[in-house]
Amino acid sequence: MLGHGTFGKVNYARNQEGDIDHQIGRHPYIIHLYAKGGELFNKVAKGKLQEDLARKFFRQLINAVDFCHSRGVYHRDLKPENILLDEDENLKISDFGLSALVESWRQDGLLHTACGTPAYVAPEVISRKGYDVAVSDICSCGVILCVLLSGYLPFHSSNLMELYRKIGKADYKSKIKESTWFRTGWRPESEANEAESSDEMVLVHEAQDNKKDAGLFKFEGAKEGRKGYLSIDAEIYMLTPAFHLVQVKKTGGDSLEYQKVFDEGIRPGLEDVVWAWEGESQPRLEPGRQQDELSSMSSSQERHSEQQ
């Protein structure tokens, strides 16, 4: 006996004569291939794998997942613990307890049941807005590849909600810079200069009406990002001499890079002059020019209504 699980015993059987039905007799058995190599997780737990070995496992994993998908079967819980190895270290996918069939799809072609192991699930699974189950399986494969090559999870937190936040925002930190291999001949100041220049924005076009103190300003990243140069438009509308409405939007480049520039550059830089941000509750009015200006606007509107 190899072990005893929740639903029964696990025995090791060897078919020597090819008459396995006769040996089983009247007892009901479920027969599985014995994966003598154990879980893939046991290999990764000892540290990252060599690139050639990781490539071999990942290639077999993708081929196995592709085969399942071609038969209308989707795993939904791919992780190293559910990947077994035979005595020749050939990969075998196991534990299809959370798998789904094509018949499970809704009319929108998506699945809506969130399941899987949190550290390996795709962001769209967490969002609970429906997900393409084939794509979510491939996303889990990508996390597995990261684990094979680095030895650690790209998204990790002891707090489940914080983990979901990191996955949803692609907020991960790589430990590659901590390795001896990376730091050999490395000068920290050069990285600092590169980080500073990557977020630098340059004014490339200005169309301003000086009489109205308004206009359109176009900014472009000084360096090419993941999806080309980041481009931002800032359009200014003058409501009163003391109040302006500024609309900022991304017109090109990567959304994550734009969010970083907005959160770390634009928003803190305008903190002293911005009265309210779109989508936030309107702050309490402060005494002074803002209150006087709003009173003036209100009085002007009342006079205009009386004249009409």
Protein backbone atom coordinates (compact mmCIF):
# COMPACT_ATOMS: atom_id res chain seq x y z
CA MET A 1 0.00 0.00 0.00
CA LEU A 2 1.36 3.42 -1.01
CA GLY A 3 -0.97 5.43 1.20
CA HIS A 4 -4.48 6.01 2.43
CA GLY A 5 -6.47 8.98 1.13
CA THR A 6 -9.86 10.43 2.02
CA PHE A 7 -11.77 8.06 -0.26
CA GLY A 8 -9.75 4.89 0.01
CA LYS A 9 -6.41 3.13 -0.08
CA VAL A 10 -3.77 3.62 -2.75
CA ASN A 11 -2.00 0.39 -3.72
CA TYR A 12 0.88 -0.20 -6.06
CA ALA A 13 -0.03 -2.82 -8.68
CA ARG A 14 2.10 -4.55 -11.30
CA ASN A 15 0.54 -6.36 -14.25
CA GLN A 16 2.88 -9.22 -15.04
CA GLU A 17 0.65 -11.43 -17.20
CA GLY A 18 -1.53 -8.88 -18.97
CA ASP A 19 -4.69 -10.27 -17.32
CA ILE A 20 -5.32 -7.40 -14.94
CA ASP A 21 -9.10 -7.95 -14.89
CA HIS A 22 -8.60 -11.45 -13.49
CA GLN A 23 -6.27 -10.17 -10.75
CA ILE A 24 -8.71 -7.46 -9.68
CA GLY A 25 -11.60 -9.86 -9.31
CA ARG A 26 -14.85 -8.50 -7.97
CA HIS A 27 -13.40 -5.52 -6.13
CA PRO A 28 -13.89 -2.07 -7.74
CA TYR A 29 -10.61 -0.31 -8.52
CA ILE A 30 -9.61 2.90 -10.28
CA ILE A 31 -6.33 2.36 -12.09
CA HIS A 32 -3.89 5.23 -12.61
CA LEU A 33 -0.40 5.45 -14.01
CA TYR A 34 2.11 5.52 -11.14
CA ALA A 35 4.24 8.68 -11.28
CA LYS A 36 7.40 7.49 -9.61
CA GLY A 37 9.17 10.85 -9.91
CA GLY A 38 6.78 12.60 -7.52
CA GLU A 39 5.53 16.17 -7.81
CA LEU A 40 7.25 18.86 -9.85
CA PHE A 41 6.90 21.01 -6.73
CA ASN A 42 9.47 18.86 -4.92
CA LYS A 43 12.07 19.79 -7.51
CA VAL A 44 11.30 23.50 -7.39
CA ALA A 45 11.31 23.49 -3.58
CA LYS A 46 15.05 22.79 -3.73
CA GLY A 47 15.67 25.89 -5.84
CA LYS A 48 15.32 27.17 -9.38
CA LEU A 49 15.90 24.75 -12.25
CA GLN A 50 18.47 24.93 -15.01
CA GLU A 51 17.11 26.66 -18.08
CA ASP A 52 17.30 23.55 -20.28
CA LEU A 53 15.36 21.46 -17.76
CA ALA A 54 12.80 24.22 -17.20
CA ARG A 55 12.32 24.48 -20.98
CA LYS A 56 11.77 20.71 -21.22
CA PHE A 57 9.12 20.74 -18.49
CA PHE A 58 7.42 23.87 -19.83
CA ARG A 59 7.30 22.49 -23.37
CA GLN A 60 5.69 19.28 -22.11
CA LEU A 61 3.27 21.30 -19.97
CA ILE A 62 2.11 23.46 -22.89
CA ASN A 63 1.70 20.41 -25.13
CA ALA A 64 -0.32 18.60 -22.44
CA VAL A 65 -2.55 21.64 -21.80
CA ASP A 66 -3.04 22.10 -25.54
CA PHE A 67 -4.11 18.45 -25.83
CA CYS A 68 -6.65 18.87 -23.01
CA HIS A 69 -8.03 22.05 -24.57
CA SER A 70 -8.36 20.35 -27.95
CA ARG A 71 -10.60 17.77 -26.24
CA GLY A 72 -12.71 20.45 -24.54
CA VAL A 73 -11.21 19.95 -21.08
CA TYR A 74 -9.87 22.91 -19.06
CA HIS A 75 -7.92 22.30 -15.87
CA ARG A 76 -8.36 25.58 -13.88
CA ASP A 77 -5.88 24.63 -11.14
CA LEU A 78 -2.51 24.27 -12.79
CA LYS A 79 0.41 24.48 -10.34
CA PRO A 80 3.60 22.48 -9.61
CA GLU A 81 1.80 20.44 -6.94
CA ASN A 82 -0.61 19.14 -9.60
CA ILE A 83 2.13 18.18 -12.04
CA LEU A 84 3.70 14.73 -11.59
CA LEU A 85 6.82 13.17 -13.07
CA ASP A 86 7.38 9.58 -14.10
CA GLU A 87 10.66 7.71 -13.61
CA ASP A 88 12.06 9.29 -16.80
CA GLU A 89 11.02 12.80 -15.62
CA ASN A 90 8.26 13.11 -18.16
CA LEU A 91 5.55 15.46 -17.03
CA LYS A 92 2.01 14.28 -16.19
CA ILE A 93 -0.84 16.67 -15.33
CA SER A 94 -3.00 15.44 -12.43
CA ASP A 95 -5.91 16.50 -10.21
CA PHE A 96 -8.70 17.51 -12.57
CA GLY A 97 -11.11 18.05 -9.68
CA LEU A 98 -11.75 21.70 -10.65
CA SER A 99 -11.68 21.14 -14.39
CA ALA A 100 -14.45 22.39 -16.66
CA LEU A 101 -15.85 21.16 -19.97
CA VAL A 102 -17.00 23.18 -22.95
CA GLU A 103 -20.59 22.53 -21.89
CA SER A 104 -19.95 24.63 -18.76
CA TRP A 105 -19.56 27.84 -20.76
CA ARG A 106 -22.33 30.41 -20.65
CA GLN A 107 -23.81 32.07 -23.71
CA ASP A 108 -21.13 34.78 -23.54
CA GLY A 109 -18.47 32.08 -24.03
CA LEU A 110 -17.01 32.69 -20.57
CA LEU A 111 -16.89 30.96 -17.21
CA HIS A 112 -17.91 32.85 -14.08
CA THR A 113 -16.93 30.51 -11.23
CA ALA A 114 -13.77 31.72 -9.50
CA CYS A 115 -11.59 28.75 -8.54
CA GLY A 116 -7.99 27.63 -8.46
CA THR A 117 -4.97 28.31 -6.27
CA PRO A 118 -4.75 32.09 -5.58
CA ALA A 119 -1.05 32.55 -6.43
CA TYR A 120 -1.51 30.92 -9.86
CA VAL A 121 -4.87 32.28 -11.05
CA ALA A 122 -5.30 34.82 -13.83
CA PRO A 123 -6.39 38.41 -12.95
CA GLU A 124 -9.69 38.03 -14.81
CA VAL A 125 -10.63 35.06 -12.62
CA ILE A 126 -10.36 37.25 -9.52
CA SER A 127 -12.39 40.07 -11.08
CA ARG A 128 -15.49 37.81 -11.21
CA LYS A 129 -16.62 39.37 -14.49
CA GLY A 130 -16.20 36.20 -16.52
CA TYR A 131 -13.04 34.75 -17.99
CA ASP A 132 -11.81 32.79 -20.99
CA VAL A 133 -10.87 29.52 -19.30
CA ALA A 134 -8.33 28.56 -21.98
CA VAL A 135 -6.49 31.86 -21.52
CA SER A 136 -6.59 31.52 -17.72
CA ASP A 137 -4.94 28.07 -17.99
CA ILE A 138 -2.16 29.56 -20.12
CA CYS A 139 -1.72 32.37 -17.58
CA SER A 140 -1.20 29.74 -14.86
CA CYS A 141 1.41 28.10 -17.09
CA GLY A 142 3.24 31.43 -17.24
CA VAL A 143 3.35 31.63 -13.44
CA ILE A 144 4.69 28.05 -13.33
CA LEU A 145 7.43 28.99 -15.80
CA CYS A 146 8.41 31.91 -13.56
CA VAL A 147 8.61 29.56 -10.58
CA LEU A 148 10.74 27.05 -12.52
CA LEU A 149 13.26 29.67 -13.63
CA SER A 150 13.40 31.81 -10.49
CA GLY A 151 12.46 29.48 -7.65
CA TYR A 152 9.81 31.81 -6.22
CA LEU A 153 6.31 33.07 -6.96
CA PRO A 154 5.93 36.37 -8.84
CA PHE A 155 2.96 37.33 -6.64
CA HIS A 156 3.16 36.55 -2.95
CA SER A 157 1.55 37.84 0.24
CA SER A 158 0.38 36.33 3.51
CA ASN A 159 -2.77 38.45 3.16
CA LEU A 160 -5.16 37.03 0.56
CA MET A 161 -6.72 40.38 -0.38
CA GLU A 162 -3.27 41.94 -0.79
CA LEU A 163 -2.29 39.01 -3.00
CA TYR A 164 -5.37 39.58 -5.18
CA ARG A 165 -4.52 43.27 -5.41
CA LYS A 166 -1.00 42.49 -6.59
CA ILE A 167 -2.26 40.03 -9.21
CA GLY A 168 -4.93 42.45 -10.46
CA LYS A 169 -2.45 45.32 -10.82
CA ALA A 170 0.50 43.17 -11.99
CA ASP A 171 2.37 44.41 -8.91
CA TYR A 172 5.31 42.06 -8.64
CA LYS A 173 8.91 42.42 -7.58
CA SER A 174 11.76 40.48 -9.10
CA LYS A 175 14.61 39.25 -6.89
CA ILE A 176 17.04 39.11 -9.80
CA LYS A 177 18.77 42.31 -8.65
CA GLU A 178 19.58 40.65 -5.33
CA SER A 179 21.57 37.85 -6.95
CA THR A 180 25.39 37.80 -7.09
CA TRP A 181 25.24 37.19 -10.82
CA PHE A 182 23.34 40.42 -11.42
CA ARG A 183 25.36 42.60 -9.04
CA THR A 184 28.74 41.67 -10.52
CA GLY A 185 30.12 44.87 -12.07
CA TRP A 186 26.86 46.71 -11.32
CA ARG A 187 26.83 50.37 -10.24
CA PRO A 188 23.68 51.36 -8.31
CA GLU A 189 23.84 54.97 -9.50
CA SER A 190 23.46 53.88 -13.12
CA GLU A 191 20.19 52.13 -12.26
CA ALA A 192 18.97 55.23 -10.44
CA ASN A 193 19.70 57.39 -13.47
CA GLU A 194 17.90 54.94 -15.75
CA ALA A 195 14.85 54.80 -13.48
CA GLU A 196 14.71 58.57 -13.34
CA SER A 197 14.91 59.02 -17.10
CA SER A 198 12.36 56.31 -17.87
CA ASP A 199 9.59 58.35 -16.21
CA GLU A 200 10.67 61.67 -17.69
CA MET A 201 8.04 63.39 -19.83
CA VAL A 202 8.81 66.00 -22.49
CA LEU A 203 6.42 68.66 -23.78
CA VAL A 204 6.24 68.01 -27.52
CA HIS A 205 3.33 70.25 -28.56
CA GLU A 206 1.54 73.24 -27.11
CA ALA A 207 -1.64 74.81 -28.44
CA GLN A 208 -2.52 77.51 -25.94
CA ASP A 209 -4.97 80.40 -26.02
CA ASN A 210 -3.28 83.01 -23.82
CA LYS A 211 -6.43 85.13 -23.65
CA LYS A 212 -8.39 82.32 -22.06
CA ASP A 213 -5.44 80.81 -20.17
CA ALA A 214 -6.43 77.43 -21.59
CA GLY A 215 -5.31 75.03 -24.26
CA LEU A 216 -3.97 71.59 -25.13
CA PHE A 217 -0.56 70.30 -24.02
CA LYS A 218 0.96 67.08 -25.38
CA PHE A 219 3.66 65.24 -23.45
CA GLU A 220 5.75 62.29 -24.58
CA GLY A 221 8.08 59.95 -22.71
CA ALA A 222 11.79 60.58 -23.16
CA LYS A 223 12.41 56.84 -23.53
CA GLU A 224 10.52 54.11 -25.36
CA GLY A 225 8.50 51.91 -23.03
CA ARG A 226 6.98 48.44 -23.28
CA LYS A 227 4.45 49.56 -25.89
CA GLY A 228 6.27 52.43 -27.54
CA TYR A 229 6.55 55.98 -26.26
CA LEU A 230 4.14 57.02 -23.52
CA SER A 231 1.99 59.94 -24.71
CA ILE A 232 -0.20 62.07 -22.47
CA ASP A 233 -2.60 64.90 -23.37
CA ALA A 234 -3.52 67.58 -20.85
CA GLU A 235 -6.39 69.80 -21.95
CA ILE A 236 -7.20 72.84 -19.83
CA TYR A 237 -10.58 74.58 -19.67
CA MET A 238 -10.99 77.87 -17.79
CA LEU A 239 -14.23 77.98 -15.78
CA THR A 240 -13.40 81.20 -13.92
CA PRO A 241 -10.13 83.13 -13.54
CA ALA A 242 -9.48 81.13 -10.36
CA PHE A 243 -10.88 77.74 -11.41
CA HIS A 244 -9.70 75.53 -14.24
CA LEU A 245 -10.78 72.08 -15.36
CA VAL A 246 -7.88 69.89 -16.53
CA GLN A 247 -8.49 66.67 -18.44
CA VAL A 248 -5.51 64.30 -18.49
CA LYS A 249 -5.57 61.16 -20.63
CA LYS A 250 -3.20 58.61 -22.14
CA THR A 251 -3.04 58.74 -25.94
CA GLY A 252 -0.26 56.21 -26.50
CA GLY A 253 1.99 53.71 -24.74
CA ASP A 254 1.47 51.27 -21.90
CA SER A 255 -1.37 51.70 -19.39
CA LEU A 256 0.71 50.53 -16.41
CA GLU A 257 3.46 53.01 -17.23
CA TYR A 258 0.85 55.77 -17.50
CA GLN A 259 -0.63 54.83 -14.13
CA LYS A 260 2.82 54.95 -12.56
CA VAL A 261 3.55 58.40 -14.00
CA PHE A 262 0.13 59.63 -12.89
CA ASP A 263 0.37 58.22 -9.34
CA GLU A 264 4.02 59.09 -8.70
CA GLY A 265 4.45 62.24 -10.77
CA ILE A 266 1.35 64.09 -11.91
CA ARG A 267 -0.85 63.65 -8.86
CA PRO A 268 1.73 64.46 -6.15
CA GLY A 269 3.01 67.38 -8.22
CA LEU A 270 -0.45 68.97 -8.41
CA GLU A 271 -1.45 68.26 -4.83
CA ASP A 272 -1.21 71.90 -3.74
CA VAL A 273 -3.32 73.29 -6.58
CA VAL A 274 -5.95 70.62 -7.25
CA TRP A 275 -9.24 71.14 -5.45
CA ALA A 276 -10.89 67.82 -6.40
CA TRP A 277 -10.13 64.76 -8.54
CA GLU A 278 -12.75 63.15 -10.76
CA GLY A 279 -14.46 60.23 -9.09
CA GLU A 280 -13.70 61.41 -5.56
CA SER A 281 -16.15 62.97 -3.15
CA GLN A 282 -16.10 66.76 -3.34
CA PRO A 283 -14.02 68.16 -0.45
CA ARG A 284 -15.31 70.69 2.04
CA LEU A 285 -14.90 74.27 0.83
CA GLU A 286 -12.13 76.23 2.46
CA PRO A 287 -12.59 79.91 3.37
CA GLY A 288 -10.89 82.45 1.18
CA ARG A 289 -10.73 83.01 -2.53
CA GLN A 290 -12.32 79.67 -3.48
CA GLN A 291 -15.42 80.39 -1.38
CA ASP A 292 -15.64 83.96 -2.71
CA GLU A 293 -15.24 82.74 -6.27
CA LEU A 294 -18.03 80.19 -5.92
CA SER A 295 -20.29 82.80 -4.32
CA SER A 296 -19.56 85.10 -7.24
CA MET A 297 -20.43 82.32 -9.69
CA SER A 298 -23.67 81.59 -7.84
CA SER A 299 -24.69 85.27 -7.78
CA SER A 300 -23.90 85.63 -11.47
CA GLN A 301 -26.08 82.62 -12.29
CA GLU A 302 -28.97 84.07 -10.22
CA ARG A 303 -28.77 87.43 -11.99
CA HIS A 304 -28.69 85.65 -15.33
CA SER A 305 -31.83 83.69 -14.40
CA GLU A 306 -33.66 86.86 -13.31
CA GLN A 307 -32.87 88.57 -16.62
CA GLN A 308 -34.31 85.64 -18.52
